[in-house]
Amino acid sequence: MTKAYVAAQVRLTQLKSRLAGLRKDESGAALVEYAMVVGLMAVIAVGVLSTFDDKVTVAFNNIGTQLAGNTTLK
């Protein structure tokens, strides 16, 4: 066997070992689950706000009008 072949075998063994370690590592699983929950909450929020679009717009306009009427400079 040549030195290059032995070196390639060693590198392949190291790569297999690293991949096996990554497969067993579950530290990122919780992050993915939280990201999925946040994404689902965002989709639900957009759906609810688009359903009540007119009511939300009127409410914010009323609040803005009241705030604008109550501002006085001293």
Protein backbone atom coordinates (compact mmCIF):
# COMPACT_ATOMS: atom_id res chain seq x y z
CA MET A 1 0.00 0.00 0.00
CA THR A 2 1.16 3.48 -0.77
CA LYS A 3 1.42 6.32 1.69
CA ALA A 4 -1.29 8.22 -0.17
CA TYR A 5 -3.69 5.29 0.12
CA VAL A 6 -3.06 4.92 3.85
CA ALA A 7 -3.49 8.67 4.37
CA ALA A 8 -6.78 8.58 2.44
CA GLN A 9 -8.01 5.68 4.57
CA VAL A 10 -7.13 7.56 7.76
CA ARG A 11 -8.97 10.67 6.54
CA LEU A 12 -11.99 8.57 5.55
CA THR A 13 -12.07 6.96 8.99
CA GLN A 14 -11.88 10.39 10.64
CA LEU A 15 -14.70 11.68 8.44
CA LYS A 16 -16.90 8.69 9.27
CA SER A 17 -16.24 9.26 12.97
CA ARG A 18 -17.20 12.94 12.74
CA LEU A 19 -20.37 12.15 10.81
CA ALA A 20 -21.36 9.52 13.38
CA GLY A 21 -20.86 12.10 16.13
CA LEU A 22 -23.03 14.65 14.32
CA ARG A 23 -25.77 12.09 13.84
CA LYS A 24 -25.90 11.44 17.59
CA ASP A 25 -25.76 15.15 18.50
CA GLU A 26 -29.26 16.46 19.25
CA SER A 27 -28.34 19.90 20.59
CA GLY A 28 -29.90 21.72 17.63
CA ALA A 29 -33.20 19.82 17.81
CA ALA A 30 -34.70 22.10 20.45
CA LEU A 31 -33.77 25.19 18.43
CA VAL A 32 -35.54 23.79 15.37
CA GLU A 33 -38.62 22.97 17.44
CA TYR A 34 -38.76 26.48 18.90
CA ALA A 35 -38.33 27.98 15.43
CA MET A 36 -41.24 25.89 14.16
CA VAL A 37 -43.45 27.00 17.06
CA VAL A 38 -42.58 30.67 16.50
CA GLY A 39 -43.28 30.29 12.77
CA LEU A 40 -46.64 28.69 13.46
CA MET A 41 -47.53 31.47 15.89
CA ALA A 42 -46.63 34.07 13.25
CA VAL A 43 -48.83 32.37 10.67
CA ILE A 44 -51.73 32.25 13.13
CA ALA A 45 -51.23 35.92 14.07
CA VAL A 46 -51.28 36.98 10.42
CA GLY A 47 -54.40 34.91 9.84
CA VAL A 48 -56.22 36.41 12.82
CA LEU A 49 -55.20 39.97 11.95
CA SER A 50 -56.23 39.55 8.33
CA THR A 51 -59.59 38.16 9.45
CA PHE A 52 -60.24 41.16 11.70
CA ASP A 53 -58.46 43.64 9.41
CA ASP A 54 -61.21 46.26 9.36
CA LYS A 55 -61.82 46.15 13.12
CA VAL A 56 -58.10 46.39 13.90
CA THR A 57 -57.68 49.32 11.50
CA VAL A 58 -60.62 51.19 13.05
CA ALA A 59 -59.33 50.53 16.57
CA PHE A 60 -55.84 51.82 15.77
CA ASN A 61 -57.26 54.86 13.97
CA ASN A 62 -59.43 55.65 17.00
CA ILE A 63 -56.44 55.34 19.32
CA GLY A 64 -54.35 57.55 17.05
CA THR A 65 -57.09 60.16 16.85
CA GLN A 66 -57.51 60.22 20.63
CA LEU A 67 -53.76 60.50 21.18
CA ALA A 68 -53.47 63.30 18.62
CA GLY A 69 -56.30 65.21 20.29
CA ASN A 70 -54.76 64.92 23.75
CA THR A 71 -51.30 66.24 22.89
CA THR A 72 -50.64 69.73 24.14
CA LEU A 73 -47.37 71.62 24.31
CA LYS A 74 -46.59 73.39 27.54
